[in-house]
Amino acid sequence: MSQAAQSVRTRETLGSVERFWTLVLAGCLGVGFVVMLNLIGPLQFKTTMPSGKEVVSVDLSRILVDWTYYTDEENRVIDERNPLSVQAFMWVAMFIGMGELWIRWRALRSERMLLHAGLLPEDERSLLTAEDLRPIYLHARGLSRSSTLPVLVRRLSMEFRKSKSIDRVNGLLDTSLELFLHQLDLRYTLMRYLVWVIPTLGFVGTVIGIASAMSFAGSGAVEMENLLAPTTQRLAVAFYTTLVALLQSGVLVLGMNSLQAGEEKVINDAGQYCLENLVMRLMEPGQLEAAKGKH
C-alpha cells in the first residue's frame, strides 16, 4: 500500500475519536497557557521618570489575563489574580480553534496526497470500458471510504457500469462535487462559531471592565487624589480585552480561510482529475462496437 493510502487509512481509523481528543488536548493547552501566564508574571515593562521613579508603561499581565499587580501609594504590593477572567476563556477558545485548524490541515494534506496516488490511468492512450472499471472500483474502495477522490471514482465507476451512459456519469460528477463542497462548508461550523464567540467575549469583557472601573471609582476604597491611576488602569484593560479578542479572531480567520480555500481547491482538482482520466476515457457499448468494426 502506498504512503498516501496508509496515511488516509490511519486517519480514517482514528476518525471522530482523534478529533475529539485533539480538541480536548487543545483546550487543556489553552488552560495550561493561562495558568502559565498567571505563574510567570507579572509581565511588565517599566520606564524611569525624570524624577527617578519607576512606573509601569505596559502591563501585559493585566492585558492578557486580567492580573492586577502594582504598588500603591503606601508601597504595598497589590496582587489580584483572576484565573476565571474573560481573557482566560478567550485563550481557551483560541487554542481549541487552533486544534480544529490542525485537524483540517491534516485532512487537507491527506486529500492532496491521494491526488498523486495514481488511482486512475494517466497516459494519453488508455480508454476504459465498463469491465475495466471493476479493478479501479476495488482499488478506490480499498484506498479510502470517505476521501473525496476515492469516493468520486467509486460513484462514477458504479454509475457507468450500471447505466453505460457517459451523460449520466457527467451529471453524477457535477452533483457529487456540489455535495462535497456543501459537506466541506459544514465541517467549518465550529470554526465559524469560535471566530464569532471570541470577539463577543472581548466585547463582554470590555463591558464588564468598564462597569468594574466605574464601580471601583464610586466605592470610596481609594482617596480621591489617588483615584485616577487605578481607575484608568481598569478602563485600559477593559478596552484592551476587545483588542486582544480581535487579534485572536483575526489569526483564526486567516487560518480558516486559507485551509478552506485549500480544501475547496482539492475538491475541484479531484473533479478535474476524474473528468480527464475517467469520464473522458469512457467508451459506451455502441462506441466500443463501432471501434471494433473499424478494425
C-alpha atoms as a PDB file:
ATOM      1  CA  MET A   1       0.000   0.000   0.000  1.00  0.00           C
ATOM      2  CA  SER A   2       1.302   3.471  -0.913  1.00  0.00           C
ATOM      3  CA  GLN A   3       2.254   6.119   1.626  1.00  0.00           C
ATOM      4  CA  ALA A   4      -0.840   8.131   0.667  1.00  0.00           C
ATOM      5  CA  ALA A   5      -3.126   5.168   1.284  1.00  0.00           C
ATOM      6  CA  GLN A   6      -1.507   4.366   4.623  1.00  0.00           C
ATOM      7  CA  SER A   7      -1.871   7.971   5.768  1.00  0.00           C
ATOM      8  CA  VAL A   8      -5.545   8.124   4.793  1.00  0.00           C
ATOM      9  CA  ARG A   9      -6.412   4.747   6.303  1.00  0.00           C
ATOM     10  CA  THR A  10      -4.737   5.746   9.567  1.00  0.00           C
ATOM     11  CA  ARG A  11      -6.710   8.983   9.670  1.00  0.00           C
ATOM     12  CA  GLU A  12      -9.994   7.203   8.971  1.00  0.00           C
ATOM     13  CA  THR A  13      -9.337   4.588  11.633  1.00  0.00           C
ATOM     14  CA  LEU A  14      -8.948   7.301  14.246  1.00  0.00           C
ATOM     15  CA  GLY A  15     -11.803   9.384  12.820  1.00  0.00           C
ATOM     16  CA  SER A  16     -14.024  11.258  15.214  1.00  0.00           C
ATOM     17  CA  VAL A  17     -12.212   9.845  18.254  1.00  0.00           C
ATOM     18  CA  GLU A  18      -8.995  11.521  17.167  1.00  0.00           C
ATOM     19  CA  ARG A  19     -10.845  14.791  16.537  1.00  0.00           C
ATOM     20  CA  PHE A  20     -12.449  14.693  19.986  1.00  0.00           C
ATOM     21  CA  TRP A  21      -9.183  14.101  21.819  1.00  0.00           C
ATOM     22  CA  THR A  22      -7.348  16.662  19.692  1.00  0.00           C
ATOM     23  CA  LEU A  23      -9.856  19.320  20.714  1.00  0.00           C
ATOM     24  CA  VAL A  24      -9.683  18.199  24.354  1.00  0.00           C
ATOM     25  CA  LEU A  25      -5.874  18.434  24.251  1.00  0.00           C
ATOM     26  CA  ALA A  26      -6.079  21.861  22.612  1.00  0.00           C
ATOM     27  CA  GLY A  27      -8.443  23.054  25.353  1.00  0.00           C
ATOM     28  CA  CYS A  28      -6.086  21.709  28.022  1.00  0.00           C
ATOM     29  CA  LEU A  29      -3.182  23.522  26.374  1.00  0.00           C
ATOM     30  CA  GLY A  30      -5.240  26.714  26.498  1.00  0.00           C
ATOM     31  CA  VAL A  31      -5.866  26.214  30.222  1.00  0.00           C
ATOM     32  CA  GLY A  32      -2.166  25.494  30.731  1.00  0.00           C
ATOM     33  CA  PHE A  33      -1.252  28.663  28.835  1.00  0.00           C
ATOM     34  CA  VAL A  34      -3.480  30.752  31.110  1.00  0.00           C
ATOM     35  CA  VAL A  35      -2.029  29.069  34.203  1.00  0.00           C
ATOM     36  CA  MET A  36       1.500  29.701  32.931  1.00  0.00           C
ATOM     37  CA  LEU A  37       0.754  33.399  32.402  1.00  0.00           C
ATOM     38  CA  ASN A  38      -0.546  33.569  35.962  1.00  0.00           C
ATOM     39  CA  LEU A  39       2.557  31.864  37.324  1.00  0.00           C
ATOM     40  CA  ILE A  40       5.398  33.547  35.442  1.00  0.00           C
ATOM     41  CA  GLY A  41       4.047  37.096  35.756  1.00  0.00           C
ATOM     42  CA  PRO A  42       3.868  39.897  36.234  1.00  0.00           C
ATOM     43  CA  LEU A  43       4.852  40.687  32.646  1.00  0.00           C
ATOM     44  CA  GLN A  44       5.533  44.392  32.965  1.00  0.00           C
ATOM     45  CA  PHE A  45       7.563  46.921  31.018  1.00  0.00           C
ATOM     46  CA  LYS A  46       8.721  49.810  33.182  1.00  0.00           C
ATOM     47  CA  THR A  47      10.100  53.227  32.399  1.00  0.00           C
ATOM     48  CA  THR A  48      12.018  55.637  34.623  1.00  0.00           C
ATOM     49  CA  MET A  49      10.588  59.111  35.077  1.00  0.00           C
ATOM     50  CA  PRO A  50      12.827  62.242  35.226  1.00  0.00           C
ATOM     51  CA  SER A  51      12.299  62.219  38.980  1.00  0.00           C
ATOM     52  CA  GLY A  52      13.894  58.770  39.146  1.00  0.00           C
ATOM     53  CA  LYS A  53      10.658  56.943  39.935  1.00  0.00           C
ATOM     54  CA  GLU A  54       9.907  53.745  38.027  1.00  0.00           C
ATOM     55  CA  VAL A  55       6.444  53.448  36.528  1.00  0.00           C
ATOM     56  CA  VAL A  56       4.789  50.628  34.609  1.00  0.00           C
ATOM     57  CA  SER A  57       4.284  51.658  30.981  1.00  0.00           C
ATOM     58  CA  VAL A  58       2.816  48.368  29.719  1.00  0.00           C
ATOM     59  CA  ASP A  59       1.398  45.620  31.929  1.00  0.00           C
ATOM     60  CA  LEU A  60       0.852  42.527  29.813  1.00  0.00           C
ATOM     61  CA  SER A  61      -0.340  40.585  32.848  1.00  0.00           C
ATOM     62  CA  ARG A  62      -3.438  42.774  33.059  1.00  0.00           C
ATOM     63  CA  ILE A  63      -3.998  42.817  29.304  1.00  0.00           C
ATOM     64  CA  LEU A  64      -3.645  39.063  28.723  1.00  0.00           C
ATOM     65  CA  VAL A  65      -5.088  37.501  31.892  1.00  0.00           C
ATOM     66  CA  ASP A  66      -6.501  40.426  33.939  1.00  0.00           C
ATOM     67  CA  TRP A  67      -3.895  40.173  36.699  1.00  0.00           C
ATOM     68  CA  THR A  68      -3.682  43.358  38.752  1.00  0.00           C
ATOM     69  CA  TYR A  69      -0.169  43.789  40.144  1.00  0.00           C
ATOM     70  CA  TYR A  70       1.118  47.169  41.270  1.00  0.00           C
ATOM     71  CA  THR A  71       2.479  49.087  44.253  1.00  0.00           C
ATOM     72  CA  ASP A  72       0.092  51.531  45.891  1.00  0.00           C
ATOM     73  CA  GLU A  73       0.901  54.918  47.413  1.00  0.00           C
ATOM     74  CA  GLU A  74       1.846  53.231  50.716  1.00  0.00           C
ATOM     75  CA  ASN A  75       4.351  50.924  48.967  1.00  0.00           C
ATOM     76  CA  ARG A  76       2.129  47.899  49.473  1.00  0.00           C
ATOM     77  CA  VAL A  77       2.148  45.320  46.672  1.00  0.00           C
ATOM     78  CA  ILE A  78      -1.349  44.780  45.301  1.00  0.00           C
ATOM     79  CA  ASP A  79      -1.577  41.302  43.756  1.00  0.00           C
ATOM     80  CA  GLU A  80      -5.078  40.473  42.475  1.00  0.00           C
ATOM     81  CA  ARG A  81      -5.179  37.459  40.175  1.00  0.00           C
ATOM     82  CA  ASN A  82      -8.304  36.483  38.269  1.00  0.00           C
ATOM     83  CA  PRO A  83      -7.937  32.922  36.914  1.00  0.00           C
ATOM     84  CA  LEU A  84     -11.548  32.909  35.653  1.00  0.00           C
ATOM     85  CA  SER A  85     -11.331  36.176  33.745  1.00  0.00           C
ATOM     86  CA  VAL A  86     -12.918  36.724  30.346  1.00  0.00           C
ATOM     87  CA  GLN A  87      -9.421  36.685  28.850  1.00  0.00           C
ATOM     88  CA  ALA A  88      -8.893  33.142  30.143  1.00  0.00           C
ATOM     89  CA  PHE A  89     -11.958  31.898  28.257  1.00  0.00           C
ATOM     90  CA  MET A  90     -10.780  33.752  25.155  1.00  0.00           C
ATOM     91  CA  TRP A  91      -7.425  31.962  25.243  1.00  0.00           C
ATOM     92  CA  VAL A  92      -9.038  28.555  25.728  1.00  0.00           C
ATOM     93  CA  ALA A  93     -11.389  29.219  22.779  1.00  0.00           C
ATOM     94  CA  MET A  94      -8.444  30.262  20.614  1.00  0.00           C
ATOM     95  CA  PHE A  95      -6.460  27.123  21.432  1.00  0.00           C
ATOM     96  CA  ILE A  96      -9.497  24.970  20.595  1.00  0.00           C
ATOM     97  CA  GLY A  97      -9.701  26.827  17.288  1.00  0.00           C
ATOM     98  CA  MET A  98      -6.025  26.106  16.627  1.00  0.00           C
ATOM     99  CA  GLY A  99      -6.720  22.428  17.342  1.00  0.00           C
ATOM    100  CA  GLU A 100      -9.555  22.452  14.812  1.00  0.00           C
ATOM    101  CA  LEU A 101      -7.258  24.081  12.242  1.00  0.00           C
ATOM    102  CA  TRP A 102      -4.700  21.327  12.895  1.00  0.00           C
ATOM    103  CA  ILE A 103      -7.374  18.699  12.162  1.00  0.00           C
ATOM    104  CA  ARG A 104      -8.405  20.423   8.932  1.00  0.00           C
ATOM    105  CA  TRP A 105      -4.743  20.777   7.872  1.00  0.00           C
ATOM    106  CA  ARG A 106      -4.164  17.043   8.318  1.00  0.00           C
ATOM    107  CA  ALA A 107      -7.279  16.264   6.297  1.00  0.00           C
ATOM    108  CA  LEU A 108      -6.115  18.619   3.543  1.00  0.00           C
ATOM    109  CA  ARG A 109      -2.679  17.002   3.443  1.00  0.00           C
ATOM    110  CA  SER A 110      -4.190  13.520   3.102  1.00  0.00           C
ATOM    111  CA  GLU A 111      -6.518  14.632   0.314  1.00  0.00           C
ATOM    112  CA  ARG A 112      -3.611  16.190  -1.574  1.00  0.00           C
ATOM    113  CA  MET A 113      -1.576  13.014  -1.269  1.00  0.00           C
ATOM    114  CA  LEU A 114      -4.380  10.975  -2.834  1.00  0.00           C
ATOM    115  CA  LEU A 115      -4.318  13.144  -5.951  1.00  0.00           C
ATOM    116  CA  HIS A 116      -0.841  11.749  -6.604  1.00  0.00           C
ATOM    117  CA  ALA A 117      -1.634   8.129  -5.735  1.00  0.00           C
ATOM    118  CA  GLY A 118      -2.162   7.080  -9.387  1.00  0.00           C
ATOM    119  CA  LEU A 119      -5.712   5.889  -8.825  1.00  0.00           C
ATOM    120  CA  LEU A 120      -6.681   6.285 -12.498  1.00  0.00           C
ATOM    121  CA  PRO A 121      -4.754   5.696 -15.747  1.00  0.00           C
ATOM    122  CA  GLU A 122      -2.987   8.909 -16.670  1.00  0.00           C
ATOM    123  CA  ASP A 123      -1.369   8.041 -20.002  1.00  0.00           C
ATOM    124  CA  GLU A 124      -2.765   9.522 -23.213  1.00  0.00           C
ATOM    125  CA  ARG A 125      -3.850   6.275 -24.917  1.00  0.00           C
ATOM    126  CA  SER A 126      -5.889   4.400 -22.315  1.00  0.00           C
ATOM    127  CA  LEU A 127      -9.640   4.035 -22.885  1.00  0.00           C
ATOM    128  CA  LEU A 128     -11.992   2.497 -20.343  1.00  0.00           C
ATOM    129  CA  THR A 129     -14.928   0.154 -20.754  1.00  0.00           C
ATOM    130  CA  ALA A 130     -17.386  -0.960 -18.067  1.00  0.00           C
ATOM    131  CA  GLU A 131     -15.331  -4.123 -17.484  1.00  0.00           C
ATOM    132  CA  ASP A 132     -12.156  -2.073 -16.952  1.00  0.00           C
ATOM    133  CA  LEU A 133     -13.764  -0.173 -14.106  1.00  0.00           C
ATOM    134  CA  ARG A 134     -14.118  -3.113 -11.715  1.00  0.00           C
ATOM    135  CA  PRO A 135     -10.439  -3.217 -10.580  1.00  0.00           C
ATOM    136  CA  ILE A 136     -10.415   0.595 -10.398  1.00  0.00           C
ATOM    137  CA  TYR A 137     -13.507   0.483  -8.188  1.00  0.00           C
ATOM    138  CA  LEU A 138     -11.965  -2.134  -5.891  1.00  0.00           C
ATOM    139  CA  HIS A 139      -8.726  -0.177  -5.669  1.00  0.00           C
ATOM    140  CA  ALA A 140     -10.607   3.006  -4.719  1.00  0.00           C
ATOM    141  CA  ARG A 141     -12.692   1.165  -2.113  1.00  0.00           C
ATOM    142  CA  GLY A 142      -9.578  -0.280  -0.502  1.00  0.00           C
ATOM    143  CA  LEU A 143      -7.788   3.053  -0.574  1.00  0.00           C
ATOM    144  CA  SER A 144     -10.358   5.109   1.338  1.00  0.00           C
ATOM    145  CA  ARG A 145     -14.068   5.104   2.157  1.00  0.00           C
ATOM    146  CA  SER A 146     -14.552   8.825   2.808  1.00  0.00           C
ATOM    147  CA  SER A 147     -11.894  10.861   0.985  1.00  0.00           C
ATOM    148  CA  THR A 148     -13.030  12.913  -1.993  1.00  0.00           C
ATOM    149  CA  LEU A 149     -11.157  11.296  -4.871  1.00  0.00           C
ATOM    150  CA  PRO A 150     -11.757   7.611  -3.998  1.00  0.00           C
ATOM    151  CA  VAL A 151     -15.450   8.313  -3.337  1.00  0.00           C
ATOM    152  CA  LEU A 152     -15.772  10.085  -6.689  1.00  0.00           C
ATOM    153  CA  VAL A 153     -14.076   7.233  -8.518  1.00  0.00           C
ATOM    154  CA  ARG A 154     -16.329   4.656  -6.853  1.00  0.00           C
ATOM    155  CA  ARG A 155     -19.509   6.582  -7.629  1.00  0.00           C
ATOM    156  CA  LEU A 156     -18.610   7.260 -11.246  1.00  0.00           C
ATOM    157  CA  SER A 157     -17.416   3.708 -11.856  1.00  0.00           C
ATOM    158  CA  MET A 158     -20.560   2.204 -10.352  1.00  0.00           C
ATOM    159  CA  GLU A 159     -22.822   4.548 -12.318  1.00  0.00           C
ATOM    160  CA  PHE A 160     -21.174   3.749 -15.654  1.00  0.00           C
ATOM    161  CA  ARG A 161     -21.191   0.005 -15.002  1.00  0.00           C
ATOM    162  CA  LYS A 162     -24.911   0.260 -14.249  1.00  0.00           C
ATOM    163  CA  SER A 163     -26.166   2.746 -16.868  1.00  0.00           C
ATOM    164  CA  LYS A 164     -23.465   2.593 -19.571  1.00  0.00           C
ATOM    165  CA  SER A 165     -24.187   6.308 -20.116  1.00  0.00           C
ATOM    166  CA  ILE A 166     -21.464   8.946 -20.146  1.00  0.00           C
ATOM    167  CA  ASP A 167     -24.057  11.721 -19.795  1.00  0.00           C
ATOM    168  CA  ARG A 168     -25.332  10.255 -16.559  1.00  0.00           C
ATOM    169  CA  VAL A 169     -21.774   9.929 -15.282  1.00  0.00           C
ATOM    170  CA  ASN A 170     -21.201  13.603 -16.090  1.00  0.00           C
ATOM    171  CA  GLY A 171     -24.340  14.572 -14.216  1.00  0.00           C
ATOM    172  CA  LEU A 172     -23.313  12.483 -11.215  1.00  0.00           C
ATOM    173  CA  LEU A 173     -19.883  14.140 -11.205  1.00  0.00           C
ATOM    174  CA  ASP A 174     -21.430  17.622 -11.047  1.00  0.00           C
ATOM    175  CA  THR A 175     -23.863  16.616  -8.298  1.00  0.00           C
ATOM    176  CA  SER A 176     -21.146  14.925  -6.248  1.00  0.00           C
ATOM    177  CA  LEU A 177     -18.867  17.962  -6.402  1.00  0.00           C
ATOM    178  CA  GLU A 178     -21.683  20.186  -5.157  1.00  0.00           C
ATOM    179  CA  LEU A 179     -22.337  17.773  -2.284  1.00  0.00           C
ATOM    180  CA  PHE A 180     -18.653  17.680  -1.353  1.00  0.00           C
ATOM    181  CA  LEU A 181     -18.488  21.484  -1.252  1.00  0.00           C
ATOM    182  CA  HIS A 182     -21.576  21.585   0.959  1.00  0.00           C
ATOM    183  CA  GLN A 183     -20.127  18.949   3.301  1.00  0.00           C
ATOM    184  CA  LEU A 184     -16.886  20.910   3.476  1.00  0.00           C
ATOM    185  CA  ASP A 185     -18.784  24.032   4.494  1.00  0.00           C
ATOM    186  CA  LEU A 186     -20.476  22.089   7.316  1.00  0.00           C
ATOM    187  CA  ARG A 187     -17.093  20.928   8.646  1.00  0.00           C
ATOM    188  CA  TYR A 188     -16.190  24.540   9.427  1.00  0.00           C
ATOM    189  CA  THR A 189     -19.242  25.146  11.633  1.00  0.00           C
ATOM    190  CA  LEU A 190     -17.206  25.003  14.850  1.00  0.00           C
ATOM    191  CA  MET A 191     -14.560  27.338  13.441  1.00  0.00           C
ATOM    192  CA  ARG A 192     -17.167  29.890  12.402  1.00  0.00           C
ATOM    193  CA  TYR A 193     -18.642  29.752  15.889  1.00  0.00           C
ATOM    194  CA  LEU A 194     -15.243  30.257  17.525  1.00  0.00           C
ATOM    195  CA  VAL A 195     -14.314  33.251  15.368  1.00  0.00           C
ATOM    196  CA  TRP A 196     -17.666  34.741  16.367  1.00  0.00           C
ATOM    197  CA  VAL A 197     -17.577  33.917  20.084  1.00  0.00           C
ATOM    198  CA  ILE A 198     -14.044  35.235  20.734  1.00  0.00           C
ATOM    199  CA  PRO A 199     -14.819  38.864  19.703  1.00  0.00           C
ATOM    200  CA  THR A 200     -18.117  38.521  21.560  1.00  0.00           C
ATOM    201  CA  LEU A 201     -16.223  37.567  24.700  1.00  0.00           C
ATOM    202  CA  GLY A 202     -13.955  40.558  24.081  1.00  0.00           C
ATOM    203  CA  PHE A 203     -16.920  42.930  23.970  1.00  0.00           C
ATOM    204  CA  VAL A 204     -18.374  41.288  27.091  1.00  0.00           C
ATOM    205  CA  GLY A 205     -15.014  41.734  28.824  1.00  0.00           C
ATOM    206  CA  THR A 206     -14.969  45.406  27.837  1.00  0.00           C
ATOM    207  CA  VAL A 207     -18.442  45.965  29.275  1.00  0.00           C
ATOM    208  CA  ILE A 208     -17.527  44.116  32.481  1.00  0.00           C
ATOM    209  CA  GLY A 209     -14.257  46.056  32.732  1.00  0.00           C
ATOM    210  CA  ILE A 210     -15.947  49.445  32.324  1.00  0.00           C
ATOM    211  CA  ALA A 211     -18.596  48.510  34.874  1.00  0.00           C
ATOM    212  CA  SER A 212     -15.889  47.315  37.275  1.00  0.00           C
ATOM    213  CA  ALA A 213     -13.892  50.533  36.839  1.00  0.00           C
ATOM    214  CA  MET A 214     -16.940  52.708  37.478  1.00  0.00           C
ATOM    215  CA  SER A 215     -17.881  50.620  40.496  1.00  0.00           C
ATOM    216  CA  PHE A 216     -14.340  50.920  41.863  1.00  0.00           C
ATOM    217  CA  ALA A 217     -14.326  54.690  41.311  1.00  0.00           C
ATOM    218  CA  GLY A 218     -17.536  55.101  43.285  1.00  0.00           C
ATOM    219  CA  SER A 219     -16.738  52.653  46.047  1.00  0.00           C
ATOM    220  CA  GLY A 220     -14.652  55.054  48.126  1.00  0.00           C
ATOM    221  CA  ALA A 221     -11.941  52.434  48.585  1.00  0.00           C
ATOM    222  CA  VAL A 222      -9.267  54.922  47.457  1.00  0.00           C
ATOM    223  CA  GLU A 223      -8.875  58.588  48.338  1.00  0.00           C
ATOM    224  CA  MET A 224      -9.964  60.992  45.629  1.00  0.00           C
ATOM    225  CA  GLU A 225      -6.454  62.276  44.902  1.00  0.00           C
ATOM    226  CA  ASN A 226      -5.241  58.688  44.279  1.00  0.00           C
ATOM    227  CA  LEU A 227      -8.285  57.528  42.357  1.00  0.00           C
ATOM    228  CA  LEU A 228      -7.217  58.351  38.790  1.00  0.00           C
ATOM    229  CA  ALA A 229      -4.401  55.811  38.291  1.00  0.00           C
ATOM    230  CA  PRO A 230      -6.177  52.583  39.355  1.00  0.00           C
ATOM    231  CA  THR A 231      -9.393  53.625  37.582  1.00  0.00           C
ATOM    232  CA  THR A 232      -7.665  54.343  34.280  1.00  0.00           C
ATOM    233  CA  GLN A 233      -5.778  51.049  34.571  1.00  0.00           C
ATOM    234  CA  ARG A 234      -9.060  49.175  34.816  1.00  0.00           C
ATOM    235  CA  LEU A 235     -10.507  51.095  31.882  1.00  0.00           C
ATOM    236  CA  ALA A 236      -7.405  50.377  29.793  1.00  0.00           C
ATOM    237  CA  VAL A 237      -7.717  46.635  30.446  1.00  0.00           C
ATOM    238  CA  ALA A 238     -11.401  46.794  29.524  1.00  0.00           C
ATOM    239  CA  PHE A 239     -10.611  48.203  26.081  1.00  0.00           C
ATOM    240  CA  TYR A 240      -7.544  46.004  25.577  1.00  0.00           C
ATOM    241  CA  THR A 241      -9.785  42.952  26.080  1.00  0.00           C
ATOM    242  CA  THR A 242     -11.578  43.717  22.824  1.00  0.00           C
ATOM    243  CA  LEU A 243      -8.266  44.393  21.058  1.00  0.00           C
ATOM    244  CA  VAL A 244      -6.828  41.021  22.134  1.00  0.00           C
ATOM    245  CA  ALA A 245     -10.047  39.258  21.107  1.00  0.00           C
ATOM    246  CA  LEU A 246      -9.998  40.838  17.648  1.00  0.00           C
ATOM    247  CA  LEU A 247      -6.345  39.826  17.158  1.00  0.00           C
ATOM    248  CA  GLN A 248      -7.098  36.243  18.225  1.00  0.00           C
ATOM    249  CA  SER A 249     -10.101  36.087  15.918  1.00  0.00           C
ATOM    250  CA  GLY A 250      -8.034  37.514  13.063  1.00  0.00           C
ATOM    251  CA  VAL A 251      -5.467  34.724  13.421  1.00  0.00           C
ATOM    252  CA  LEU A 252      -8.188  32.051  13.363  1.00  0.00           C
ATOM    253  CA  VAL A 253      -9.996  33.639  10.407  1.00  0.00           C
ATOM    254  CA  LEU A 254      -6.757  33.722   8.412  1.00  0.00           C
ATOM    255  CA  GLY A 255      -6.095  30.040   9.112  1.00  0.00           C
ATOM    256  CA  MET A 256      -9.717  29.059   8.444  1.00  0.00           C
ATOM    257  CA  ASN A 257      -9.938  30.870   5.104  1.00  0.00           C
ATOM    258  CA  SER A 258      -6.572  29.533   3.946  1.00  0.00           C
ATOM    259  CA  LEU A 259      -7.438  25.921   4.792  1.00  0.00           C
ATOM    260  CA  GLN A 260     -10.976  26.103   3.435  1.00  0.00           C
ATOM    261  CA  ALA A 261      -9.665  27.537   0.166  1.00  0.00           C
ATOM    262  CA  GLY A 262      -7.114  24.714   0.024  1.00  0.00           C
ATOM    263  CA  GLU A 263      -9.776  22.053   0.622  1.00  0.00           C
ATOM    264  CA  GLU A 264     -12.081  23.564  -1.996  1.00  0.00           C
ATOM    265  CA  LYS A 265      -9.194  23.510  -4.480  1.00  0.00           C
ATOM    266  CA  VAL A 266      -8.567  19.835  -3.693  1.00  0.00           C
ATOM    267  CA  ILE A 267     -12.235  19.042  -4.420  1.00  0.00           C
ATOM    268  CA  ASN A 268     -12.038  20.918  -7.725  1.00  0.00           C
ATOM    269  CA  ASP A 269      -8.757  19.194  -8.592  1.00  0.00           C
ATOM    270  CA  ALA A 270     -10.312  15.804  -7.796  1.00  0.00           C
ATOM    271  CA  GLY A 271     -13.241  16.604 -10.078  1.00  0.00           C
ATOM    272  CA  GLN A 272     -10.906  17.678 -12.862  1.00  0.00           C
ATOM    273  CA  TYR A 273      -8.760  14.576 -12.345  1.00  0.00           C
ATOM    274  CA  CYS A 274     -11.819  12.315 -12.689  1.00  0.00           C
ATOM    275  CA  LEU A 275     -13.054  14.244 -15.716  1.00  0.00           C
ATOM    276  CA  GLU A 276      -9.748  13.968 -17.568  1.00  0.00           C
ATOM    277  CA  ASN A 277      -8.722  10.454 -16.549  1.00  0.00           C
ATOM    278  CA  LEU A 278     -12.053   8.678 -16.152  1.00  0.00           C
ATOM    279  CA  VAL A 279     -15.052  10.387 -17.763  1.00  0.00           C
ATOM    280  CA  MET A 280     -13.291  11.411 -20.977  1.00  0.00           C
ATOM    281  CA  ARG A 281     -11.840   7.908 -21.369  1.00  0.00           C
ATOM    282  CA  LEU A 282     -15.122   6.028 -21.048  1.00  0.00           C
ATOM    283  CA  MET A 283     -16.480   4.128 -24.046  1.00  0.00           C
ATOM    284  CA  GLU A 284     -20.167   3.297 -24.284  1.00  0.00           C
ATOM    285  CA  PRO A 285     -21.107  -0.116 -25.752  1.00  0.00           C
ATOM    286  CA  GLY A 286     -22.067   1.428 -29.105  1.00  0.00           C
ATOM    287  CA  GLN A 287     -18.763   3.259 -29.368  1.00  0.00           C
ATOM    288  CA  LEU A 288     -16.898   0.071 -28.487  1.00  0.00           C
ATOM    289  CA  GLU A 289     -18.663  -1.927 -31.179  1.00  0.00           C
ATOM    290  CA  ALA A 290     -18.051   0.814 -33.752  1.00  0.00           C
ATOM    291  CA  ALA A 291     -14.363   0.858 -32.853  1.00  0.00           C
ATOM    292  CA  LYS A 292     -14.165  -2.925 -33.262  1.00  0.00           C
ATOM    293  CA  GLY A 293     -15.935  -2.728 -36.632  1.00  0.00           C
ATOM    294  CA  LYS A 294     -13.323  -0.383 -37.999  1.00  0.00           C
ATOM    295  CA  HIS A 295     -10.654  -2.906 -37.245  1.00  0.00           C
END
